[in-house]
Amino acid sequence: MKTVKYLFLAGLFSLMISSLAAQDAKEVAAIKAVIEKETQSFFSVNRKDWEDSWLQTPYAYWSYSDSTGTSFIEGWAGIKKSFDEYFTTHKASRQIDVAHQSSAVKIDRSYQSIRVYGNGAYVRYTQHVKDDIDRDETSQVRILEKKDGKWKIVCVGAIASYPKE
C-alpha cells in the first residue's frame, strides 16, 4: 500500500512540475511577444501598438545610451511626451526618417535571461537590428508586469556596444 501511495505522490509531483514548466514556457512566449510587438510597432511607426505594449504608470522608465549620448525618461507621461514628435512626424516609408525601410527589418535577439517572478518579469538580451541603417548592437533589459492577464513593459534599458569593431 505504501508503494502505491508513493507512486501516486511521485506521479502527482511530476504532473505539477510539468504543468509549471508548461506554464513558464507559455509566460516566456507571451513576454517575448510583447517585446517583439513594442520593437516592431516602433519601427513601423505604429503608436497605438507601441503604447499598448507599455504599462502606463508613473514609475515607467526608459533609457538609452550610445556613442552620441545618454538619455533617460521617468514616468509614462514623460515617455509619451518624449516620443510624441517621433510618432507624429515620422513615416515608415519616408527615406529621411529613422523608421524608413526599403527592405524588411530583421531583428536578431539573443536572450541571456528571462526570469518570471509572479506578476513581474526581468528580461536581458542583446539585439541587432539589420536594415538600411548601420545600427549599433545593443544590450537591453526589460522589466515587465502582468496586469489583467497581459504582460506590459514598465522599464526599458538599452546600451549600445561601443566602439564598433
N, C-alpha and C. Protein backbone atom coordinates (compact mmCIF):
# COMPACT_ATOMS: atom_id res chain seq x y z
N MET A 1 0.82 -1.19 0.00
CA MET A 1 0.00 0.00 0.00
C MET A 1 0.86 1.26 0.00
N LYS A 2 1.98 1.20 0.77
CA LYS A 2 2.87 2.36 0.82
C LYS A 2 3.47 2.63 -0.56
N THR A 3 3.78 1.58 -1.31
CA THR A 3 4.35 1.73 -2.64
C THR A 3 3.39 2.46 -3.56
N VAL A 4 2.13 2.06 -3.50
CA VAL A 4 1.11 2.71 -4.32
C VAL A 4 0.98 4.19 -3.93
N LYS A 5 1.02 4.45 -2.64
CA LYS A 5 0.91 5.83 -2.15
C LYS A 5 2.09 6.66 -2.66
N TYR A 6 3.31 6.11 -2.59
CA TYR A 6 4.49 6.83 -3.06
C TYR A 6 4.47 7.03 -4.57
N LEU A 7 4.02 6.02 -5.30
CA LEU A 7 3.89 6.16 -6.75
C LEU A 7 2.86 7.23 -7.11
N PHE A 8 1.77 7.25 -6.38
CA PHE A 8 0.74 8.26 -6.61
C PHE A 8 1.29 9.66 -6.35
N LEU A 9 1.99 9.83 -5.22
CA LEU A 9 2.56 11.13 -4.88
C LEU A 9 3.63 11.55 -5.88
N ALA A 10 4.46 10.59 -6.32
CA ALA A 10 5.50 10.88 -7.32
C ALA A 10 4.86 11.30 -8.64
N GLY A 11 3.81 10.60 -9.03
CA GLY A 11 3.09 10.95 -10.25
C GLY A 11 2.46 12.32 -10.16
N LEU A 12 1.85 12.62 -9.02
CA LEU A 12 1.23 13.93 -8.80
C LEU A 12 2.29 15.03 -8.83
N PHE A 13 3.42 14.79 -8.19
CA PHE A 13 4.52 15.74 -8.18
C PHE A 13 5.04 15.99 -9.59
N SER A 14 5.23 14.92 -10.37
CA SER A 14 5.70 15.05 -11.76
C SER A 14 4.71 15.84 -12.59
N LEU A 15 3.43 15.59 -12.39
CA LEU A 15 2.39 16.32 -13.11
C LEU A 15 2.43 17.81 -12.77
N MET A 16 2.63 18.12 -11.50
CA MET A 16 2.72 19.52 -11.07
C MET A 16 3.94 20.19 -11.68
N ILE A 17 5.07 19.53 -11.68
CA ILE A 17 6.31 20.09 -12.24
C ILE A 17 6.15 20.33 -13.74
N SER A 18 5.61 19.36 -14.47
CA SER A 18 5.45 19.54 -15.91
C SER A 18 4.43 20.62 -16.21
N SER A 19 3.41 20.75 -15.38
CA SER A 19 2.41 21.80 -15.55
C SER A 19 3.04 23.18 -15.33
N LEU A 20 3.90 23.28 -14.30
CA LEU A 20 4.59 24.55 -14.04
C LEU A 20 5.55 24.89 -15.17
N ALA A 21 6.26 23.90 -15.70
CA ALA A 21 7.18 24.13 -16.81
C ALA A 21 6.43 24.60 -18.04
N ALA A 22 5.28 23.98 -18.32
CA ALA A 22 4.47 24.40 -19.46
C ALA A 22 3.94 25.81 -19.26
N GLN A 23 3.53 26.12 -18.02
CA GLN A 23 3.04 27.46 -17.72
C GLN A 23 4.16 28.48 -17.90
N ASP A 24 5.36 28.16 -17.41
CA ASP A 24 6.51 29.05 -17.58
C ASP A 24 6.82 29.28 -19.05
N ALA A 25 6.78 28.23 -19.86
CA ALA A 25 7.04 28.35 -21.29
C ALA A 25 6.00 29.26 -21.94
N LYS A 26 4.76 29.14 -21.51
CA LYS A 26 3.68 30.00 -22.04
C LYS A 26 3.92 31.46 -21.64
N GLU A 27 4.34 31.67 -20.40
CA GLU A 27 4.62 33.04 -19.92
C GLU A 27 5.81 33.64 -20.68
N VAL A 28 6.86 32.85 -20.86
CA VAL A 28 8.04 33.33 -21.58
C VAL A 28 7.67 33.70 -23.01
N ALA A 29 6.87 32.88 -23.66
CA ALA A 29 6.43 33.19 -25.03
C ALA A 29 5.61 34.47 -25.07
N ALA A 30 4.75 34.68 -24.08
CA ALA A 30 3.94 35.90 -24.02
C ALA A 30 4.82 37.13 -23.78
N ILE A 31 5.82 36.99 -22.94
CA ILE A 31 6.75 38.08 -22.65
C ILE A 31 7.53 38.45 -23.90
N LYS A 32 8.06 37.45 -24.59
CA LYS A 32 8.80 37.71 -25.83
C LYS A 32 7.90 38.38 -26.88
N ALA A 33 6.65 37.98 -26.93
CA ALA A 33 5.71 38.58 -27.89
C ALA A 33 5.49 40.06 -27.62
N VAL A 34 5.44 40.45 -26.35
CA VAL A 34 5.28 41.87 -26.01
C VAL A 34 6.51 42.66 -26.42
N ILE A 35 7.68 42.11 -26.17
CA ILE A 35 8.93 42.78 -26.57
C ILE A 35 8.98 42.94 -28.08
N GLU A 36 8.62 41.89 -28.79
CA GLU A 36 8.58 41.94 -30.26
C GLU A 36 7.59 43.00 -30.74
N LYS A 37 6.41 43.02 -30.15
CA LYS A 37 5.38 43.99 -30.54
C LYS A 37 5.86 45.42 -30.31
N GLU A 38 6.48 45.66 -29.16
CA GLU A 38 6.95 47.01 -28.85
C GLU A 38 8.00 47.47 -29.86
N THR A 39 8.94 46.59 -30.19
CA THR A 39 10.00 46.94 -31.13
C THR A 39 9.45 47.13 -32.54
N GLN A 40 8.66 46.17 -33.00
CA GLN A 40 8.11 46.27 -34.36
C GLN A 40 7.20 47.48 -34.53
N SER A 41 6.39 47.77 -33.53
CA SER A 41 5.50 48.92 -33.65
C SER A 41 6.28 50.23 -33.65
N PHE A 42 7.42 50.27 -32.95
CA PHE A 42 8.26 51.46 -33.00
C PHE A 42 8.80 51.65 -34.41
N PHE A 43 9.38 50.60 -35.00
CA PHE A 43 9.97 50.72 -36.33
C PHE A 43 8.93 50.94 -37.42
N SER A 44 7.72 50.48 -37.22
CA SER A 44 6.67 50.71 -38.23
C SER A 44 5.84 51.96 -37.92
N VAL A 45 6.26 52.72 -36.93
CA VAL A 45 5.61 53.98 -36.52
C VAL A 45 4.13 53.75 -36.21
N ASN A 46 3.86 52.70 -35.45
CA ASN A 46 2.50 52.36 -35.05
C ASN A 46 2.36 52.72 -33.57
N ARG A 47 1.95 53.95 -33.33
CA ARG A 47 1.89 54.46 -31.96
C ARG A 47 0.93 53.67 -31.07
N LYS A 48 -0.22 53.31 -31.61
CA LYS A 48 -1.23 52.61 -30.82
C LYS A 48 -0.66 51.30 -30.25
N ASP A 49 -0.05 50.49 -31.12
CA ASP A 49 0.51 49.22 -30.65
C ASP A 49 1.71 49.43 -29.74
N TRP A 50 2.53 50.45 -30.03
CA TRP A 50 3.68 50.75 -29.17
C TRP A 50 3.20 51.11 -27.77
N GLU A 51 2.22 52.02 -27.68
CA GLU A 51 1.69 52.41 -26.37
C GLU A 51 1.02 51.25 -25.66
N ASP A 52 0.36 50.38 -26.43
CA ASP A 52 -0.32 49.23 -25.84
C ASP A 52 0.67 48.23 -25.23
N SER A 53 1.93 48.30 -25.64
CA SER A 53 2.95 47.40 -25.10
C SER A 53 3.42 47.83 -23.72
N TRP A 54 3.11 49.06 -23.34
CA TRP A 54 3.58 49.64 -22.08
C TRP A 54 2.50 49.62 -21.00
N LEU A 55 2.93 49.43 -19.75
CA LEU A 55 2.07 49.67 -18.61
C LEU A 55 2.25 51.15 -18.29
N GLN A 56 1.24 51.89 -18.49
CA GLN A 56 1.34 53.35 -18.46
C GLN A 56 1.21 53.87 -17.02
N THR A 57 2.33 53.80 -16.31
CA THR A 57 2.37 54.13 -14.89
C THR A 57 3.38 55.25 -14.62
N PRO A 58 3.23 55.92 -13.48
CA PRO A 58 4.20 56.96 -13.12
C PRO A 58 5.61 56.42 -12.88
N TYR A 59 5.75 55.11 -12.63
CA TYR A 59 7.08 54.55 -12.40
C TYR A 59 7.69 53.90 -13.64
N ALA A 60 7.04 54.06 -14.80
CA ALA A 60 7.62 53.56 -16.05
C ALA A 60 8.94 54.30 -16.30
N TYR A 61 9.87 53.64 -16.98
CA TYR A 61 11.20 54.21 -17.16
C TYR A 61 11.78 53.75 -18.49
N TRP A 62 12.42 54.67 -19.20
CA TRP A 62 13.06 54.38 -20.48
C TRP A 62 14.44 55.00 -20.48
N SER A 63 15.46 54.25 -20.93
CA SER A 63 16.80 54.81 -21.03
C SER A 63 17.53 54.21 -22.23
N TYR A 64 18.45 55.02 -22.78
CA TYR A 64 19.23 54.58 -23.94
C TYR A 64 20.58 55.27 -23.89
N SER A 65 21.63 54.53 -24.22
CA SER A 65 22.97 55.10 -24.26
C SER A 65 23.71 54.54 -25.45
N ASP A 66 24.32 55.45 -26.24
CA ASP A 66 25.17 55.03 -27.35
C ASP A 66 26.31 56.02 -27.50
N SER A 67 27.01 55.95 -28.61
CA SER A 67 28.18 56.80 -28.81
C SER A 67 27.83 58.28 -28.91
N THR A 68 26.57 58.59 -29.16
CA THR A 68 26.16 60.00 -29.29
C THR A 68 25.68 60.59 -27.98
N GLY A 69 25.42 59.77 -27.00
CA GLY A 69 24.97 60.30 -25.71
C GLY A 69 24.11 59.33 -24.95
N THR A 70 23.60 59.81 -23.84
CA THR A 70 22.77 59.01 -22.94
C THR A 70 21.55 59.81 -22.57
N SER A 71 20.41 59.13 -22.53
CA SER A 71 19.20 59.82 -22.07
C SER A 71 18.32 58.85 -21.31
N PHE A 72 17.48 59.42 -20.47
CA PHE A 72 16.52 58.61 -19.74
C PHE A 72 15.26 59.45 -19.55
N ILE A 73 14.16 58.75 -19.39
CA ILE A 73 12.87 59.41 -19.19
C ILE A 73 12.15 58.67 -18.07
N GLU A 74 11.64 59.42 -17.12
CA GLU A 74 10.93 58.83 -15.99
C GLU A 74 9.44 59.07 -16.11
N GLY A 75 8.64 58.04 -15.89
CA GLY A 75 7.19 58.14 -15.88
C GLY A 75 6.57 58.05 -17.26
N TRP A 76 5.38 57.44 -17.32
CA TRP A 76 4.71 57.27 -18.60
C TRP A 76 4.41 58.60 -19.28
N ALA A 77 3.99 59.61 -18.52
CA ALA A 77 3.68 60.91 -19.14
C ALA A 77 4.91 61.47 -19.85
N GLY A 78 6.08 61.34 -19.24
CA GLY A 78 7.32 61.82 -19.86
C GLY A 78 7.71 61.00 -21.08
N ILE A 79 7.55 59.68 -20.99
CA ILE A 79 7.88 58.81 -22.13
C ILE A 79 6.97 59.15 -23.31
N LYS A 80 5.68 59.23 -23.04
CA LYS A 80 4.71 59.53 -24.11
C LYS A 80 5.03 60.88 -24.76
N LYS A 81 5.28 61.88 -23.95
CA LYS A 81 5.58 63.22 -24.47
C LYS A 81 6.88 63.21 -25.28
N SER A 82 7.88 62.51 -24.79
CA SER A 82 9.17 62.47 -25.47
C SER A 82 9.09 61.83 -26.85
N PHE A 83 8.24 60.82 -26.99
CA PHE A 83 8.10 60.14 -28.27
C PHE A 83 7.02 60.75 -29.16
N ASP A 84 6.36 61.79 -28.68
CA ASP A 84 5.32 62.48 -29.45
C ASP A 84 5.80 62.88 -30.84
N GLU A 85 6.92 63.57 -30.89
CA GLU A 85 7.42 64.07 -32.18
C GLU A 85 7.73 62.91 -33.13
N TYR A 86 8.35 61.87 -32.61
CA TYR A 86 8.67 60.72 -33.45
C TYR A 86 7.41 60.16 -34.11
N PHE A 87 6.39 59.92 -33.31
CA PHE A 87 5.18 59.29 -33.85
C PHE A 87 4.32 60.24 -34.68
N THR A 88 4.48 61.53 -34.54
CA THR A 88 3.69 62.46 -35.35
C THR A 88 4.40 62.91 -36.61
N THR A 89 5.73 62.83 -36.66
CA THR A 89 6.45 63.33 -37.83
C THR A 89 7.06 62.24 -38.70
N HIS A 90 7.35 61.08 -38.15
CA HIS A 90 7.99 60.03 -38.94
C HIS A 90 6.97 59.18 -39.69
N LYS A 91 7.38 58.73 -40.84
CA LYS A 91 6.58 57.82 -41.66
C LYS A 91 7.45 56.62 -41.97
N ALA A 92 6.88 55.44 -41.88
CA ALA A 92 7.65 54.21 -42.10
C ALA A 92 8.23 54.14 -43.51
N SER A 93 7.61 54.83 -44.47
CA SER A 93 8.06 54.71 -45.85
C SER A 93 8.90 55.90 -46.34
N ARG A 94 9.12 56.89 -45.50
CA ARG A 94 9.85 58.08 -45.93
C ARG A 94 11.34 57.90 -45.70
N GLN A 95 12.14 58.04 -46.75
CA GLN A 95 13.55 57.71 -46.72
C GLN A 95 14.35 58.49 -45.67
N ILE A 96 13.96 59.70 -45.34
CA ILE A 96 14.75 60.51 -44.41
C ILE A 96 14.49 60.15 -42.95
N ASP A 97 13.49 59.34 -42.68
CA ASP A 97 13.12 59.03 -41.30
C ASP A 97 13.84 57.81 -40.75
N VAL A 98 14.02 57.80 -39.44
CA VAL A 98 14.66 56.68 -38.73
C VAL A 98 13.94 55.38 -39.05
N ALA A 99 12.63 55.45 -39.19
CA ALA A 99 11.84 54.23 -39.40
C ALA A 99 11.84 53.75 -40.84
N HIS A 100 12.46 54.52 -41.76
CA HIS A 100 12.43 54.13 -43.18
C HIS A 100 13.07 52.76 -43.40
N GLN A 101 12.39 51.97 -44.16
CA GLN A 101 12.91 50.66 -44.52
C GLN A 101 12.63 50.40 -45.99
N SER A 102 13.69 50.29 -46.79
CA SER A 102 13.47 49.93 -48.19
C SER A 102 13.35 48.42 -48.33
N SER A 103 13.75 47.73 -47.28
CA SER A 103 13.58 46.27 -47.24
C SER A 103 13.13 45.92 -45.83
N ALA A 104 12.79 44.69 -45.64
CA ALA A 104 12.27 44.28 -44.33
C ALA A 104 13.33 44.41 -43.24
N VAL A 105 12.88 44.84 -42.08
CA VAL A 105 13.76 44.92 -40.91
C VAL A 105 13.91 43.52 -40.34
N LYS A 106 15.14 43.16 -40.02
CA LYS A 106 15.37 41.88 -39.36
C LYS A 106 15.99 42.19 -38.01
N ILE A 107 15.39 41.67 -36.97
CA ILE A 107 15.88 41.91 -35.62
C ILE A 107 16.36 40.59 -35.04
N ASP A 108 17.65 40.56 -34.74
CA ASP A 108 18.24 39.37 -34.11
C ASP A 108 18.36 39.65 -32.62
N ARG A 109 17.77 38.76 -31.82
CA ARG A 109 17.88 38.86 -30.37
C ARG A 109 18.51 37.59 -29.83
N SER A 110 19.36 37.77 -28.85
CA SER A 110 19.94 36.64 -28.15
C SER A 110 19.61 36.83 -26.67
N TYR A 111 18.67 36.03 -26.20
CA TYR A 111 18.23 36.15 -24.80
C TYR A 111 19.24 35.54 -23.86
N GLN A 112 19.68 36.31 -22.86
CA GLN A 112 20.58 35.81 -21.83
C GLN A 112 19.80 35.34 -20.61
N SER A 113 18.70 36.04 -20.30
CA SER A 113 17.97 35.69 -19.08
C SER A 113 16.52 36.16 -19.17
N ILE A 114 15.63 35.27 -18.83
CA ILE A 114 14.21 35.63 -18.66
C ILE A 114 13.80 35.03 -17.33
N ARG A 115 13.47 35.88 -16.38
CA ARG A 115 13.09 35.45 -15.04
C ARG A 115 11.68 35.95 -14.75
N VAL A 116 10.80 35.05 -14.41
CA VAL A 116 9.42 35.40 -14.08
C VAL A 116 9.26 35.27 -12.57
N TYR A 117 8.77 36.34 -11.96
CA TYR A 117 8.55 36.40 -10.51
C TYR A 117 7.09 36.75 -10.27
N GLY A 118 6.21 35.77 -10.30
CA GLY A 118 4.79 36.04 -10.11
C GLY A 118 4.26 36.91 -11.25
N ASN A 119 3.87 38.14 -10.93
CA ASN A 119 3.35 39.07 -11.93
C ASN A 119 4.42 40.02 -12.45
N GLY A 120 5.68 39.69 -12.23
CA GLY A 120 6.78 40.50 -12.72
C GLY A 120 7.77 39.65 -13.48
N ALA A 121 8.50 40.28 -14.40
CA ALA A 121 9.50 39.55 -15.17
C ALA A 121 10.68 40.46 -15.48
N TYR A 122 11.86 39.86 -15.46
CA TYR A 122 13.10 40.51 -15.82
C TYR A 122 13.63 39.82 -17.07
N VAL A 123 13.99 40.60 -18.09
CA VAL A 123 14.47 40.04 -19.35
C VAL A 123 15.75 40.79 -19.75
N ARG A 124 16.77 40.01 -20.13
CA ARG A 124 18.01 40.63 -20.62
C ARG A 124 18.40 39.93 -21.91
N TYR A 125 18.77 40.74 -22.91
CA TYR A 125 19.15 40.18 -24.22
C TYR A 125 20.02 41.17 -24.97
N THR A 126 20.69 40.67 -26.02
CA THR A 126 21.36 41.56 -26.96
C THR A 126 20.50 41.61 -28.21
N GLN A 127 20.56 42.75 -28.86
CA GLN A 127 19.72 42.95 -30.05
C GLN A 127 20.53 43.64 -31.14
N HIS A 128 20.38 43.14 -32.35
CA HIS A 128 20.98 43.78 -33.51
C HIS A 128 19.90 43.94 -34.57
N VAL A 129 19.65 45.19 -34.94
CA VAL A 129 18.67 45.50 -35.97
C VAL A 129 19.41 45.54 -37.30
N LYS A 130 18.96 44.72 -38.23
CA LYS A 130 19.56 44.70 -39.56
C LYS A 130 18.59 45.35 -40.53
N ASP A 131 19.01 46.51 -41.04
CA ASP A 131 18.20 47.24 -42.01
C ASP A 131 19.12 48.12 -42.84
N ASP A 132 18.58 49.17 -43.43
CA ASP A 132 19.35 50.05 -44.29
C ASP A 132 20.23 51.04 -43.52
N ILE A 133 20.08 51.06 -42.21
CA ILE A 133 20.85 51.98 -41.37
C ILE A 133 21.86 51.15 -40.59
N ASP A 134 23.09 51.65 -40.49
CA ASP A 134 24.12 50.96 -39.73
C ASP A 134 23.88 51.19 -38.25
N ARG A 135 23.23 50.25 -37.59
CA ARG A 135 22.86 50.41 -36.19
C ARG A 135 23.83 49.67 -35.28
N ASP A 136 23.97 50.19 -34.06
CA ASP A 136 24.80 49.53 -33.05
C ASP A 136 24.07 48.31 -32.49
N GLU A 137 24.83 47.29 -32.13
CA GLU A 137 24.26 46.20 -31.34
C GLU A 137 24.00 46.76 -29.95
N THR A 138 22.91 46.36 -29.34
CA THR A 138 22.58 46.86 -28.01
C THR A 138 22.40 45.71 -27.02
N SER A 139 22.74 46.01 -25.78
CA SER A 139 22.43 45.12 -24.68
C SER A 139 21.21 45.74 -24.00
N GLN A 140 20.15 44.96 -23.86
CA GLN A 140 18.90 45.53 -23.38
C GLN A 140 18.35 44.77 -22.18
N VAL A 141 17.66 45.54 -21.35
CA VAL A 141 16.94 44.99 -20.20
C VAL A 141 15.51 45.47 -20.30
N ARG A 142 14.58 44.55 -20.07
CA ARG A 142 13.16 44.91 -19.99
C ARG A 142 12.64 44.37 -18.66
N ILE A 143 11.85 45.18 -18.00
CA ILE A 143 11.11 44.72 -16.84
C ILE A 143 9.65 44.84 -17.22
N LEU A 144 8.91 43.77 -17.01
CA LEU A 144 7.51 43.73 -17.36
C LEU A 144 6.67 43.39 -16.14
N GLU A 145 5.42 43.82 -16.17
CA GLU A 145 4.45 43.44 -15.15
C GLU A 145 3.22 42.89 -15.85
N LYS A 146 2.59 41.95 -15.19
CA LYS A 146 1.37 41.35 -15.71
C LYS A 146 0.19 42.01 -15.01
N LYS A 147 -0.66 42.65 -15.81
CA LYS A 147 -1.85 43.30 -15.27
C LYS A 147 -3.04 42.87 -16.11
N ASP A 148 -4.10 42.47 -15.44
CA ASP A 148 -5.31 42.00 -16.12
C ASP A 148 -4.99 40.88 -17.11
N GLY A 149 -4.04 40.02 -16.73
CA GLY A 149 -3.70 38.86 -17.55
C GLY A 149 -2.78 39.15 -18.73
N LYS A 150 -2.30 40.39 -18.87
CA LYS A 150 -1.44 40.75 -20.00
C LYS A 150 -0.11 41.32 -19.51
N TRP A 151 0.97 40.87 -20.15
CA TRP A 151 2.29 41.40 -19.84
C TRP A 151 2.45 42.76 -20.51
N LYS A 152 3.03 43.71 -19.76
CA LYS A 152 3.29 45.05 -20.27
C LYS A 152 4.68 45.48 -19.82
N ILE A 153 5.33 46.28 -20.62
CA ILE A 153 6.66 46.78 -20.30
C ILE A 153 6.55 47.95 -19.32
N VAL A 154 7.40 47.95 -18.29
CA VAL A 154 7.46 49.09 -17.37
C VAL A 154 8.84 49.73 -17.37
N CYS A 155 9.83 49.02 -17.90
CA CYS A 155 11.18 49.58 -17.89
C CYS A 155 11.95 49.09 -19.11
N VAL A 156 12.60 50.04 -19.80
CA VAL A 156 13.47 49.72 -20.92
C VAL A 156 14.84 50.32 -20.61
N GLY A 157 15.86 49.52 -20.73
CA GLY A 157 17.23 49.98 -20.63
C GLY A 157 18.01 49.42 -21.79
N ALA A 158 18.62 50.29 -22.59
CA ALA A 158 19.38 49.83 -23.76
C ALA A 158 20.72 50.57 -23.81
N ILE A 159 21.78 49.80 -23.96
CA ILE A 159 23.12 50.37 -24.06
C ILE A 159 23.76 49.80 -25.31
N ALA A 160 24.23 50.70 -26.17
CA ALA A 160 24.85 50.28 -27.43
C ALA A 160 26.28 49.84 -27.20
N SER A 161 26.68 48.84 -27.97
CA SER A 161 28.05 48.38 -27.94
C SER A 161 28.92 49.43 -28.61
N TYR A 162 29.95 49.88 -27.91
CA TYR A 162 30.80 50.93 -28.46
C TYR A 162 32.21 50.72 -27.94
N PRO A 163 33.24 50.90 -28.72
CA PRO A 163 33.19 51.29 -30.13
C PRO A 163 32.87 50.10 -31.02
N LYS A 164 32.39 50.42 -32.21
CA LYS A 164 32.10 49.36 -33.17
C LYS A 164 33.41 48.74 -33.60
N GLU A 165 33.38 47.45 -33.82
CA GLU A 165 34.61 46.77 -34.26
C GLU A 165 34.66 46.66 -35.75
